[in-house]
Amino acid sequence: MKLEIAAQGFAALGSEARLQVVLALVKAGEKGLTVGDIQSRTGMAASTLAHHLRFLSSAGLVLQEKDGRSVISRAAFDHLDRLAGYLLKECCAEENGCVTNGGCGTPDVELEILND
């Protein structure tokens, strides 16, 4: 994952409100949640929630799809997993004598963001 993509993801999670939305979607699993469901779980006003969902979607952390008259939002589990792994791949690298950008032989994985 490139540094700028990781920074964008972490910046999107840097808001308490957006982190709350992502956590609600992670808890919901693959089925996702409607905007109304997210709203009831977070207590956010509709306009505020819409803003945060746009931000999270543009960072690739939330996937949205139309289902009839509803919009279903889902956590982008692959992206979230890569984001968490971005930090952990460097764990103890200096302790183990590794000083390369990719850690101890860990290849740098390129993140593909789906732009629908």
PDB file of N, CA and C in Angstrom:
ATOM      1  N   MET A   1       0.859  -1.175   0.000  1.00  0.00           N
ATOM      2  CA  MET A   1       0.000   0.000   0.000  1.00  0.00           C
ATOM      3  C   MET A   1       0.902   1.233   0.000  1.00  0.00           C
ATOM      4  N   LYS A   2       0.577   2.164  -0.828  1.00  0.00           N
ATOM      5  CA  LYS A   2       1.353   3.398  -0.883  1.00  0.00           C
ATOM      6  C   LYS A   2       1.030   4.282   0.313  1.00  0.00           C
ATOM      7  N   LEU A   3       2.006   5.058   0.712  1.00  0.00           N
ATOM      8  CA  LEU A   3       1.880   5.947   1.869  1.00  0.00           C
ATOM      9  C   LEU A   3       0.685   6.894   1.742  1.00  0.00           C
ATOM     10  N   GLU A   4       0.485   7.474   0.558  1.00  0.00           N
ATOM     11  CA  GLU A   4      -0.608   8.446   0.399  1.00  0.00           C
ATOM     12  C   GLU A   4      -1.988   7.795   0.524  1.00  0.00           C
ATOM     13  N   ILE A   5      -2.113   6.549   0.087  1.00  0.00           N
ATOM     14  CA  ILE A   5      -3.392   5.846   0.223  1.00  0.00           C
ATOM     15  C   ILE A   5      -3.652   5.516   1.685  1.00  0.00           C
ATOM     16  N   ALA A   6      -2.600   5.077   2.383  1.00  0.00           N
ATOM     17  CA  ALA A   6      -2.734   4.788   3.819  1.00  0.00           C
ATOM     18  C   ALA A   6      -3.094   6.060   4.575  1.00  0.00           C
ATOM     19  N   ALA A   7      -2.441   7.163   4.245  1.00  0.00           N
ATOM     20  CA  ALA A   7      -2.718   8.436   4.925  1.00  0.00           C
ATOM     21  C   ALA A   7      -4.165   8.862   4.703  1.00  0.00           C
ATOM     22  N   GLN A   8      -4.677   8.689   3.493  1.00  0.00           N
ATOM     23  CA  GLN A   8      -6.068   9.042   3.205  1.00  0.00           C
ATOM     24  C   GLN A   8      -7.025   8.189   4.038  1.00  0.00           C
ATOM     25  N   GLY A   9      -6.735   6.902   4.144  1.00  0.00           N
ATOM     26  CA  GLY A   9      -7.576   6.015   4.939  1.00  0.00           C
ATOM     27  C   GLY A   9      -7.551   6.367   6.414  1.00  0.00           C
ATOM     28  N   PHE A  10      -6.364   6.606   6.940  1.00  0.00           N
ATOM     29  CA  PHE A  10      -6.258   6.968   8.353  1.00  0.00           C
ATOM     30  C   PHE A  10      -6.890   8.329   8.624  1.00  0.00           C
ATOM     31  N   ALA A  11      -6.774   9.253   7.687  1.00  0.00           N
ATOM     32  CA  ALA A  11      -7.413  10.566   7.852  1.00  0.00           C
ATOM     33  C   ALA A  11      -8.926  10.416   7.909  1.00  0.00           C
ATOM     34  N   ALA A  12      -9.466   9.547   7.067  1.00  0.00           N
ATOM     35  CA  ALA A  12     -10.911   9.328   7.065  1.00  0.00           C
ATOM     36  C   ALA A  12     -11.373   8.738   8.393  1.00  0.00           C
ATOM     37  N   LEU A  13     -10.554   7.906   8.992  1.00  0.00           N
ATOM     38  CA  LEU A  13     -10.903   7.305  10.283  1.00  0.00           C
ATOM     39  C   LEU A  13     -10.569   8.224  11.457  1.00  0.00           C
ATOM     40  N   GLY A  14      -9.945   9.361  11.165  1.00  0.00           N
ATOM     41  CA  GLY A  14      -9.497  10.278  12.207  1.00  0.00           C
ATOM     42  C   GLY A  14     -10.602  11.091  12.853  1.00  0.00           C
ATOM     43  N   SER A  15     -11.806  10.961  12.377  1.00  0.00           N
ATOM     44  CA  SER A  15     -12.948  11.653  12.964  1.00  0.00           C
ATOM     45  C   SER A  15     -13.714  10.654  13.822  1.00  0.00           C
ATOM     46  N   GLU A  16     -14.072  11.057  15.022  1.00  0.00           N
ATOM     47  CA  GLU A  16     -14.834  10.186  15.913  1.00  0.00           C
ATOM     48  C   GLU A  16     -16.141   9.733  15.257  1.00  0.00           C
ATOM     49  N   ALA A  17     -16.799  10.656  14.578  1.00  0.00           N
ATOM     50  CA  ALA A  17     -18.077  10.332  13.935  1.00  0.00           C
ATOM     51  C   ALA A  17     -17.889   9.314  12.814  1.00  0.00           C
ATOM     52  N   ARG A  18     -16.863   9.514  11.972  1.00  0.00           N
ATOM     53  CA  ARG A  18     -16.628   8.569  10.878  1.00  0.00           C
ATOM     54  C   ARG A  18     -16.183   7.210  11.406  1.00  0.00           C
ATOM     55  N   LEU A  19     -15.393   7.202  12.451  1.00  0.00           N
ATOM     56  CA  LEU A  19     -14.993   5.937  13.059  1.00  0.00           C
ATOM     57  C   LEU A  19     -16.213   5.206  13.611  1.00  0.00           C
ATOM     58  N   GLN A  20     -17.137   5.944  14.173  1.00  0.00           N
ATOM     59  CA  GLN A  20     -18.383   5.363  14.687  1.00  0.00           C
ATOM     60  C   GLN A  20     -19.191   4.716  13.554  1.00  0.00           C
ATOM     61  N   VAL A  21     -19.245   5.361  12.408  1.00  0.00           N
ATOM     62  CA  VAL A  21     -19.955   4.818  11.248  1.00  0.00           C
ATOM     63  C   VAL A  21     -19.277   3.530  10.773  1.00  0.00           C
ATOM     64  N   VAL A  22     -17.957   3.560  10.644  1.00  0.00           N
ATOM     65  CA  VAL A  22     -17.227   2.376  10.194  1.00  0.00           C
ATOM     66  C   VAL A  22     -17.413   1.221  11.170  1.00  0.00           C
ATOM     67  N   LEU A  23     -17.355   1.493  12.455  1.00  0.00           N
ATOM     68  CA  LEU A  23     -17.552   0.434  13.449  1.00  0.00           C
ATOM     69  C   LEU A  23     -18.951  -0.171  13.353  1.00  0.00           C
ATOM     70  N   ALA A  24     -19.963   0.659  13.123  1.00  0.00           N
ATOM     71  CA  ALA A  24     -21.329   0.150  12.957  1.00  0.00           C
ATOM     72  C   ALA A  24     -21.407  -0.767  11.741  1.00  0.00           C
ATOM     73  N   LEU A  25     -20.735  -0.380  10.659  1.00  0.00           N
ATOM     74  CA  LEU A  25     -20.753  -1.192   9.443  1.00  0.00           C
ATOM     75  C   LEU A  25     -19.949  -2.477   9.609  1.00  0.00           C
ATOM     76  N   VAL A  26     -18.847  -2.411  10.329  1.00  0.00           N
ATOM     77  CA  VAL A  26     -18.046  -3.612  10.596  1.00  0.00           C
ATOM     78  C   VAL A  26     -18.865  -4.595  11.423  1.00  0.00           C
ATOM     79  N   LYS A  27     -19.558  -4.088  12.433  1.00  0.00           N
ATOM     80  CA  LYS A  27     -20.394  -4.948  13.282  1.00  0.00           C
ATOM     81  C   LYS A  27     -21.524  -5.583  12.480  1.00  0.00           C
ATOM     82  N   ALA A  28     -22.049  -4.868  11.495  1.00  0.00           N
ATOM     83  CA  ALA A  28     -23.159  -5.378  10.684  1.00  0.00           C
ATOM     84  C   ALA A  28     -22.717  -6.491   9.740  1.00  0.00           C
ATOM     85  N   GLY A  29     -21.439  -6.523   9.399  1.00  0.00           N
ATOM     86  CA  GLY A  29     -20.923  -7.567   8.514  1.00  0.00           C
ATOM     87  C   GLY A  29     -21.217  -7.307   7.055  1.00  0.00           C
ATOM     88  N   GLU A  30     -21.151  -8.365   6.275  1.00  0.00           N
ATOM     89  CA  GLU A  30     -21.284  -8.267   4.814  1.00  0.00           C
ATOM     90  C   GLU A  30     -22.649  -7.788   4.354  1.00  0.00           C
ATOM     91  N   LYS A  31     -23.692  -7.988   5.153  1.00  0.00           N
ATOM     92  CA  LYS A  31     -25.032  -7.560   4.726  1.00  0.00           C
ATOM     93  C   LYS A  31     -25.155  -6.045   4.673  1.00  0.00           C
ATOM     94  N   GLY A  32     -24.334  -5.346   5.452  1.00  0.00           N
ATOM     95  CA  GLY A  32     -24.352  -3.887   5.445  1.00  0.00           C
ATOM     96  C   GLY A  32     -25.572  -3.312   6.141  1.00  0.00           C
ATOM     97  N   LEU A  33     -25.718  -2.015   6.017  1.00  0.00           N
ATOM     98  CA  LEU A  33     -26.813  -1.286   6.657  1.00  0.00           C
ATOM     99  C   LEU A  33     -27.357  -0.229   5.720  1.00  0.00           C
ATOM    100  N   THR A  34     -28.635   0.058   5.866  1.00  0.00           N
ATOM    101  CA  THR A  34     -29.206   1.197   5.152  1.00  0.00           C
ATOM    102  C   THR A  34     -28.785   2.470   5.883  1.00  0.00           C
ATOM    103  N   VAL A  35     -28.947   3.590   5.230  1.00  0.00           N
ATOM    104  CA  VAL A  35     -28.619   4.866   5.851  1.00  0.00           C
ATOM    105  C   VAL A  35     -29.455   5.060   7.119  1.00  0.00           C
ATOM    106  N   GLY A  36     -30.720   4.678   7.059  1.00  0.00           N
ATOM    107  CA  GLY A  36     -31.588   4.789   8.230  1.00  0.00           C
ATOM    108  C   GLY A  36     -31.098   3.939   9.389  1.00  0.00           C
ATOM    109  N   ASP A  37     -30.609   2.730   9.097  1.00  0.00           N
ATOM    110  CA  ASP A  37     -30.064   1.869  10.143  1.00  0.00           C
ATOM    111  C   ASP A  37     -28.814   2.479  10.774  1.00  0.00           C
ATOM    112  N   ILE A  38     -27.947   3.025   9.937  1.00  0.00           N
ATOM    113  CA  ILE A  38     -26.731   3.663  10.459  1.00  0.00           C
ATOM    114  C   ILE A  38     -27.120   4.854  11.326  1.00  0.00           C
ATOM    115  N   GLN A  39     -28.080   5.617  10.850  1.00  0.00           N
ATOM    116  CA  GLN A  39     -28.549   6.790  11.576  1.00  0.00           C
ATOM    117  C   GLN A  39     -29.084   6.397  12.953  1.00  0.00           C
ATOM    118  N   SER A  40     -29.866   5.338  13.022  1.00  0.00           N
ATOM    119  CA  SER A  40     -30.426   4.937  14.314  1.00  0.00           C
ATOM    120  C   SER A  40     -29.354   4.388  15.249  1.00  0.00           C
ATOM    121  N   ARG A  41     -28.317   3.764  14.697  1.00  0.00           N
ATOM    122  CA  ARG A  41     -27.237   3.226  15.532  1.00  0.00           C
ATOM    123  C   ARG A  41     -26.266   4.298  16.010  1.00  0.00           C
ATOM    124  N   THR A  42     -26.113   5.350  15.231  1.00  0.00           N
ATOM    125  CA  THR A  42     -25.139   6.387  15.588  1.00  0.00           C
ATOM    126  C   THR A  42     -25.774   7.645  16.168  1.00  0.00           C
ATOM    127  N   GLY A  43     -27.053   7.861  15.886  1.00  0.00           N
ATOM    128  CA  GLY A  43     -27.722   9.063  16.360  1.00  0.00           C
ATOM    129  C   GLY A  43     -27.358  10.318  15.580  1.00  0.00           C
ATOM    130  N   MET A  44     -26.772  10.155  14.403  1.00  0.00           N
ATOM    131  CA  MET A  44     -26.368  11.308  13.591  1.00  0.00           C
ATOM    132  C   MET A  44     -27.533  11.836  12.775  1.00  0.00           C
ATOM    133  N   ALA A  45     -27.517  13.127  12.550  1.00  0.00           N
ATOM    134  CA  ALA A  45     -28.488  13.754  11.660  1.00  0.00           C
ATOM    135  C   ALA A  45     -28.226  13.269  10.235  1.00  0.00           C
ATOM    136  N   ALA A  46     -29.261  13.184   9.438  1.00  0.00           N
ATOM    137  CA  ALA A  46     -29.149  12.656   8.075  1.00  0.00           C
ATOM    138  C   ALA A  46     -28.109  13.402   7.239  1.00  0.00           C
ATOM    139  N   SER A  47     -28.098  14.723   7.303  1.00  0.00           N
ATOM    140  CA  SER A  47     -27.149  15.488   6.484  1.00  0.00           C
ATOM    141  C   SER A  47     -25.709  15.260   6.943  1.00  0.00           C
ATOM    142  N   THR A  48     -25.508  15.156   8.240  1.00  0.00           N
ATOM    143  CA  THR A  48     -24.174  14.890   8.781  1.00  0.00           C
ATOM    144  C   THR A  48     -23.706  13.505   8.371  1.00  0.00           C
ATOM    145  N   LEU A  49     -24.595  12.531   8.484  1.00  0.00           N
ATOM    146  CA  LEU A  49     -24.260  11.159   8.108  1.00  0.00           C
ATOM    147  C   LEU A  49     -23.929  11.073   6.623  1.00  0.00           C
ATOM    148  N   ALA A  50     -24.698  11.739   5.790  1.00  0.00           N
ATOM    149  CA  ALA A  50     -24.449  11.737   4.345  1.00  0.00           C
ATOM    150  C   ALA A  50     -23.052  12.273   4.046  1.00  0.00           C
ATOM    151  N   HIS A  51     -22.666  13.344   4.733  1.00  0.00           N
ATOM    152  CA  HIS A  51     -21.326  13.924   4.560  1.00  0.00           C
ATOM    153  C   HIS A  51     -20.251  12.904   4.924  1.00  0.00           C
ATOM    154  N   HIS A  52     -20.399  12.256   6.069  1.00  0.00           N
ATOM    155  CA  HIS A  52     -19.401  11.284   6.520  1.00  0.00           C
ATOM    156  C   HIS A  52     -19.343  10.058   5.610  1.00  0.00           C
ATOM    157  N   LEU A  53     -20.480   9.598   5.132  1.00  0.00           N
ATOM    158  CA  LEU A  53     -20.493   8.461   4.216  1.00  0.00           C
ATOM    159  C   LEU A  53     -19.793   8.792   2.907  1.00  0.00           C
ATOM    160  N   ARG A  54     -19.987  10.010   2.396  1.00  0.00           N
ATOM    161  CA  ARG A  54     -19.286  10.436   1.170  1.00  0.00           C
ATOM    162  C   ARG A  54     -17.780  10.433   1.398  1.00  0.00           C
ATOM    163  N   PHE A  55     -17.358  10.954   2.538  1.00  0.00           N
ATOM    164  CA  PHE A  55     -15.938  11.028   2.875  1.00  0.00           C
ATOM    165  C   PHE A  55     -15.347   9.618   2.968  1.00  0.00           C
ATOM    166  N   LEU A  56     -16.034   8.721   3.678  1.00  0.00           N
ATOM    167  CA  LEU A  56     -15.560   7.354   3.845  1.00  0.00           C
ATOM    168  C   LEU A  56     -15.559   6.584   2.527  1.00  0.00           C
ATOM    169  N   SER A  57     -16.558   6.839   1.715  1.00  0.00           N
ATOM    170  CA  SER A  57     -16.634   6.193   0.412  1.00  0.00           C
ATOM    171  C   SER A  57     -15.499   6.646  -0.494  1.00  0.00           C
ATOM    172  N   SER A  58     -15.206   7.939  -0.489  1.00  0.00           N
ATOM    173  CA  SER A  58     -14.123   8.446  -1.339  1.00  0.00           C
ATOM    174  C   SER A  58     -12.760   7.947  -0.882  1.00  0.00           C
ATOM    175  N   ALA A  59     -12.636   7.591   0.396  1.00  0.00           N
ATOM    176  CA  ALA A  59     -11.384   7.030   0.911  1.00  0.00           C
ATOM    177  C   ALA A  59     -11.329   5.519   0.704  1.00  0.00           C
ATOM    178  N   GLY A  60     -12.396   4.940   0.141  1.00  0.00           N
ATOM    179  CA  GLY A  60     -12.417   3.512  -0.132  1.00  0.00           C
ATOM    180  C   GLY A  60     -12.724   2.641   1.069  1.00  0.00           C
ATOM    181  N   LEU A  61     -13.207   3.232   2.160  1.00  0.00           N
ATOM    182  CA  LEU A  61     -13.479   2.470   3.383  1.00  0.00           C
ATOM    183  C   LEU A  61     -14.907   1.968   3.457  1.00  0.00           C
ATOM    184  N   VAL A  62     -15.799   2.576   2.677  1.00  0.00           N
ATOM    185  CA  VAL A  62     -17.212   2.179   2.655  1.00  0.00           C
ATOM    186  C   VAL A  62     -17.622   1.981   1.203  1.00  0.00           C
ATOM    187  N   LEU A  63     -18.325   0.890   0.962  1.00  0.00           N
ATOM    188  CA  LEU A  63     -18.878   0.601  -0.363  1.00  0.00           C
ATOM    189  C   LEU A  63     -20.380   0.802  -0.283  1.00  0.00           C
ATOM    190  N   GLN A  64     -20.951   1.411  -1.309  1.00  0.00           N
ATOM    191  CA  GLN A  64     -22.389   1.657  -1.318  1.00  0.00           C
ATOM    192  C   GLN A  64     -22.994   1.128  -2.613  1.00  0.00           C
ATOM    193  N   GLU A  65     -24.201   0.585  -2.481  1.00  0.00           N
ATOM    194  CA  GLU A  65     -24.929   0.143  -3.669  1.00  0.00           C
ATOM    195  C   GLU A  65     -26.413   0.367  -3.462  1.00  0.00           C
ATOM    196  N   LYS A  66     -27.065   0.648  -4.565  1.00  0.00           N
ATOM    197  CA  LYS A  66     -28.510   0.885  -4.560  1.00  0.00           C
ATOM    198  C   LYS A  66     -29.226  -0.455  -4.508  1.00  0.00           C
ATOM    199  N   ASP A  67     -30.239  -0.546  -3.660  1.00  0.00           N
ATOM    200  CA  ASP A  67     -31.086  -1.732  -3.551  1.00  0.00           C
ATOM    201  C   ASP A  67     -32.525  -1.228  -3.543  1.00  0.00           C
ATOM    202  N   GLY A  68     -33.113  -1.163  -4.729  1.00  0.00           N
ATOM    203  CA  GLY A  68     -34.444  -0.574  -4.849  1.00  0.00           C
ATOM    204  C   GLY A  68     -34.367   0.907  -4.539  1.00  0.00           C
ATOM    205  N   ARG A  69     -35.123   1.329  -3.539  1.00  0.00           N
ATOM    206  CA  ARG A  69     -35.121   2.743  -3.144  1.00  0.00           C
ATOM    207  C   ARG A  69     -34.139   3.029  -2.022  1.00  0.00           C
ATOM    208  N   SER A  70     -33.474   2.003  -1.541  1.00  0.00           N
ATOM    209  CA  SER A  70     -32.518   2.159  -0.437  1.00  0.00           C
ATOM    210  C   SER A  70     -31.085   2.120  -0.950  1.00  0.00           C
ATOM    211  N   VAL A  71     -30.199   2.678  -0.158  1.00  0.00           N
ATOM    212  CA  VAL A  71     -28.771   2.572  -0.404  1.00  0.00           C
ATOM    213  C   VAL A  71     -28.195   1.746   0.737  1.00  0.00           C
ATOM    214  N   ILE A  72     -27.502   0.666   0.370  1.00  0.00           N
ATOM    215  CA  ILE A  72     -26.871  -0.196   1.359  1.00  0.00           C
ATOM    216  C   ILE A  72     -25.400   0.174   1.434  1.00  0.00           C
ATOM    217  N   SER A  73     -24.942   0.428   2.640  1.00  0.00           N
ATOM    218  CA  SER A  73     -23.532   0.732   2.874  1.00  0.00           C
ATOM    219  C   SER A  73     -22.889  -0.461   3.551  1.00  0.00           C
ATOM    220  N   ARG A  74     -21.671  -0.787   3.112  1.00  0.00           N
ATOM    221  CA  ARG A  74     -20.918  -1.894   3.689  1.00  0.00           C
ATOM    222  C   ARG A  74     -19.497  -1.437   3.967  1.00  0.00           C
ATOM    223  N   ALA A  75     -18.917  -2.005   5.005  1.00  0.00           N
ATOM    224  CA  ALA A  75     -17.502  -1.762   5.264  1.00  0.00           C
ATOM    225  C   ALA A  75     -16.696  -2.408   4.149  1.00  0.00           C
ATOM    226  N   ALA A  76     -15.665  -1.742   3.693  1.00  0.00           N
ATOM    227  CA  ALA A  76     -14.761  -2.303   2.684  1.00  0.00           C
ATOM    228  C   ALA A  76     -13.703  -3.107   3.438  1.00  0.00           C
ATOM    229  N   PHE A  77     -14.061  -4.343   3.774  1.00  0.00           N
ATOM    230  CA  PHE A  77     -13.221  -5.163   4.655  1.00  0.00           C
ATOM    231  C   PHE A  77     -11.813  -5.366   4.109  1.00  0.00           C
ATOM    232  N   ASP A  78     -11.658  -5.562   2.802  1.00  0.00           N
ATOM    233  CA  ASP A  78     -10.318  -5.754   2.232  1.00  0.00           C
ATOM    234  C   ASP A  78      -9.447  -4.520   2.453  1.00  0.00           C
ATOM    235  N   HIS A  79     -10.019  -3.368   2.208  1.00  0.00           N
ATOM    236  CA  HIS A  79      -9.267  -2.119   2.383  1.00  0.00           C
ATOM    237  C   HIS A  79      -8.919  -1.903   3.857  1.00  0.00           C
ATOM    238  N   LEU A  80      -9.880  -2.131   4.738  1.00  0.00           N
ATOM    239  CA  LEU A  80      -9.631  -1.971   6.170  1.00  0.00           C
ATOM    240  C   LEU A  80      -8.546  -2.934   6.649  1.00  0.00           C
ATOM    241  N   ASP A  81      -8.561  -4.151   6.125  1.00  0.00           N
ATOM    242  CA  ASP A  81      -7.552  -5.147   6.491  1.00  0.00           C
ATOM    243  C   ASP A  81      -6.167  -4.698   6.023  1.00  0.00           C
ATOM    244  N   ARG A  82      -6.079  -4.193   4.798  1.00  0.00           N
ATOM    245  CA  ARG A  82      -4.793  -3.701   4.285  1.00  0.00           C
ATOM    246  C   ARG A  82      -4.302  -2.490   5.056  1.00  0.00           C
ATOM    247  N   LEU A  83      -5.234  -1.648   5.469  1.00  0.00           N
ATOM    248  CA  LEU A  83      -4.868  -0.465   6.229  1.00  0.00           C
ATOM    249  C   LEU A  83      -4.271  -0.861   7.582  1.00  0.00           C
ATOM    250  N   ALA A  84      -4.918  -1.785   8.266  1.00  0.00           N
ATOM    251  CA  ALA A  84      -4.391  -2.266   9.546  1.00  0.00           C
ATOM    252  C   ALA A  84      -3.042  -2.949   9.329  1.00  0.00           C
ATOM    253  N   GLY A  85      -2.953  -3.739   8.287  1.00  0.00           N
ATOM    254  CA  GLY A  85      -1.706  -4.437   7.991  1.00  0.00           C
ATOM    255  C   GLY A  85      -0.574  -3.502   7.622  1.00  0.00           C
ATOM    256  N   TYR A  86      -0.906  -2.345   7.084  1.00  0.00           N
ATOM    257  CA  TYR A  86       0.110  -1.369   6.695  1.00  0.00           C
ATOM    258  C   TYR A  86       0.976  -0.990   7.891  1.00  0.00           C
ATOM    259  N   LEU A  87       0.343  -0.794   9.029  1.00  0.00           N
ATOM    260  CA  LEU A  87       1.094  -0.457  10.237  1.00  0.00           C
ATOM    261  C   LEU A  87       1.845  -1.662  10.785  1.00  0.00           C
ATOM    262  N   LEU A  88       1.182  -2.786  10.830  1.00  0.00           N
ATOM    263  CA  LEU A  88       1.740  -3.953  11.488  1.00  0.00           C
ATOM    264  C   LEU A  88       2.847  -4.641  10.703  1.00  0.00           C
ATOM    265  N   LYS A  89       2.915  -4.435   9.397  1.00  0.00           N
ATOM    266  CA  LYS A  89       3.961  -5.091   8.610  1.00  0.00           C
ATOM    267  C   LYS A  89       5.356  -4.593   9.006  1.00  0.00           C
ATOM    268  N   GLU A  90       5.424  -3.418   9.599  1.00  0.00           N
ATOM    269  CA  GLU A  90       6.712  -2.864  10.013  1.00  0.00           C
ATOM    270  C   GLU A  90       7.053  -3.215  11.461  1.00  0.00           C
ATOM    271  N   CYS A  91       6.211  -4.020  12.094  1.00  0.00           N
ATOM    272  CA  CYS A  91       6.404  -4.348  13.500  1.00  0.00           C
ATOM    273  C   CYS A  91       7.788  -4.922  13.753  1.00  0.00           C
ATOM    274  N   CYS A  92       8.487  -4.269  14.640  1.00  0.00           N
ATOM    275  CA  CYS A  92       9.780  -4.753  15.156  1.00  0.00           C
ATOM    276  C   CYS A  92      10.864  -4.864  14.093  1.00  0.00           C
ATOM    277  N   ALA A  93      10.709  -4.212  12.943  1.00  0.00           N
ATOM    278  CA  ALA A  93      11.671  -4.316  11.845  1.00  0.00           C
ATOM    279  C   ALA A  93      13.068  -3.896  12.288  1.00  0.00           C
ATOM    280  N   GLU A  94      13.172  -2.809  13.012  1.00  0.00           N
ATOM    281  CA  GLU A  94      14.489  -2.346  13.451  1.00  0.00           C
ATOM    282  C   GLU A  94      15.075  -3.272  14.503  1.00  0.00           C
ATOM    283  N   GLU A  95      14.214  -3.825  15.322  1.00  0.00           N
ATOM    284  CA  GLU A  95      14.640  -4.774  16.344  1.00  0.00           C
ATOM    285  C   GLU A  95      15.276  -6.009  15.719  1.00  0.00           C
ATOM    286  N   ASN A  96      14.727  -6.410  14.570  1.00  0.00           N
ATOM    287  CA  ASN A  96      15.197  -7.615  13.881  1.00  0.00           C
ATOM    288  C   ASN A  96      16.262  -7.323  12.833  1.00  0.00           C
ATOM    289  N   GLY A  97      16.750  -6.097  12.788  1.00  0.00           N
ATOM    290  CA  GLY A  97      17.805  -5.746  11.852  1.00  0.00           C
ATOM    291  C   GLY A  97      17.329  -5.419  10.454  1.00  0.00           C
ATOM    292  N   CYS A  98      16.037  -5.238  10.250  1.00  0.00           N
ATOM    293  CA  CYS A  98      15.495  -4.906   8.928  1.00  0.00           C
ATOM    294  C   CYS A  98      15.287  -3.401   8.852  1.00  0.00           C
ATOM    295  N   VAL A  99      15.803  -2.786   7.827  1.00  0.00           N
ATOM    296  CA  VAL A  99      15.648  -1.335   7.700  1.00  0.00           C
ATOM    297  C   VAL A  99      15.095  -0.935   6.342  1.00  0.00           C
ATOM    298  N   THR A 100      14.573  -1.882   5.570  1.00  0.00           N
ATOM    299  CA  THR A 100      14.009  -1.553   4.264  1.00  0.00           C
ATOM    300  C   THR A 100      12.589  -1.054   4.426  1.00  0.00           C
ATOM    301  N   ASN A 101      12.075  -0.363   3.416  1.00  0.00           N
ATOM    302  CA  ASN A 101      10.696   0.150   3.442  1.00  0.00           C
ATOM    303  C   ASN A 101       9.663  -0.945   3.581  1.00  0.00           C
ATOM    304  N   GLY A 102       9.912  -2.115   3.029  1.00  0.00           N
ATOM    305  CA  GLY A 102       8.937  -3.195   3.044  1.00  0.00           C
ATOM    306  C   GLY A 102       9.042  -4.107   4.247  1.00  0.00           C
ATOM    307  N   GLY A 103       9.873  -3.771   5.243  1.00  0.00           N
ATOM    308  CA  GLY A 103      10.045  -4.661   6.393  1.00  0.00           C
ATOM    309  C   GLY A 103      10.949  -5.809   6.006  1.00  0.00           C
ATOM    310  N   CYS A 104      10.935  -6.878   6.746  1.00  0.00           N
ATOM    311  CA  CYS A 104      11.796  -8.046   6.518  1.00  0.00           C
ATOM    312  C   CYS A 104      11.277  -8.886   5.372  1.00  0.00           C
ATOM    313  N   GLY A 105      11.565  -8.462   4.166  1.00  0.00           N
ATOM    314  CA  GLY A 105      11.173  -9.236   3.012  1.00  0.00           C
ATOM    315  C   GLY A 105       9.688  -9.174   2.684  1.00  0.00           C
ATOM    316  N   THR A 106       8.934  -8.316   3.357  1.00  0.00           N
ATOM    317  CA  THR A 106       7.505  -8.200   3.098  1.00  0.00           C
ATOM    318  C   THR A 106       7.300  -7.345   1.855  1.00  0.00           C
ATOM    319  N   PRO A 107       6.661  -7.896   0.810  1.00  0.00           N
ATOM    320  CA  PRO A 107       6.445  -7.086  -0.396  1.00  0.00           C
ATOM    321  C   PRO A 107       5.452  -5.960  -0.130  1.00  0.00           C
ATOM    322  N   ASP A 108       5.679  -4.844  -0.787  1.00  0.00           N
ATOM    323  CA  ASP A 108       4.754  -3.719  -0.685  1.00  0.00           C
ATOM    324  C   ASP A 108       3.537  -4.033  -1.535  1.00  0.00           C
ATOM    325  N   VAL A 109       2.374  -4.140  -0.922  1.00  0.00           N
ATOM    326  CA  VAL A 109       1.157  -4.519  -1.632  1.00  0.00           C
ATOM    327  C   VAL A 109       0.452  -3.269  -2.128  1.00  0.00           C
ATOM    328  N   GLU A 110       0.185  -3.226  -3.406  1.00  0.00           N
ATOM    329  CA  GLU A 110      -0.530  -2.098  -4.013  1.00  0.00           C
ATOM    330  C   GLU A 110      -2.015  -2.238  -3.742  1.00  0.00           C
ATOM    331  N   LEU A 111      -2.657  -1.191  -3.269  1.00  0.00           N
ATOM    332  CA  LEU A 111      -4.085  -1.228  -2.972  1.00  0.00           C
ATOM    333  C   LEU A 111      -4.872  -0.778  -4.185  1.00  0.00           C
ATOM    334  N   GLU A 112      -5.869  -1.564  -4.546  1.00  0.00           N
ATOM    335  CA  GLU A 112      -6.762  -1.187  -5.633  1.00  0.00           C
ATOM    336  C   GLU A 112      -8.038  -0.648  -5.038  1.00  0.00           C
ATOM    337  N   ILE A 113      -8.366   0.581  -5.342  1.00  0.00           N
ATOM    338  CA  ILE A 113      -9.597   1.189  -4.860  1.00  0.00           C
ATOM    339  C   ILE A 113     -10.628   1.093  -5.974  1.00  0.00           C
ATOM    340  N   LEU A 114     -11.773   0.548  -5.614  1.00  0.00           N
ATOM    341  CA  LEU A 114     -12.835   0.411  -6.600  1.00  0.00           C
ATOM    342  C   LEU A 114     -13.559   1.731  -6.766  1.00  0.00           C
ATOM    343  N   ASN A 115     -13.584   2.214  -7.949  1.00  0.00           N
ATOM    344  CA  ASN A 115     -14.304   3.429  -8.268  1.00  0.00           C
ATOM    345  C   ASN A 115     -15.482   3.055  -9.144  1.00  0.00           C
ATOM    346  N   ASP A 116     -16.645   2.953  -8.535  1.00  0.00           N
ATOM    347  CA  ASP A 116     -17.838   2.570  -9.304  1.00  0.00           C
ATOM    348  C   ASP A 116     -18.438   3.760  -9.988  1.00  0.00           C
TER     349      ASP A 116
END
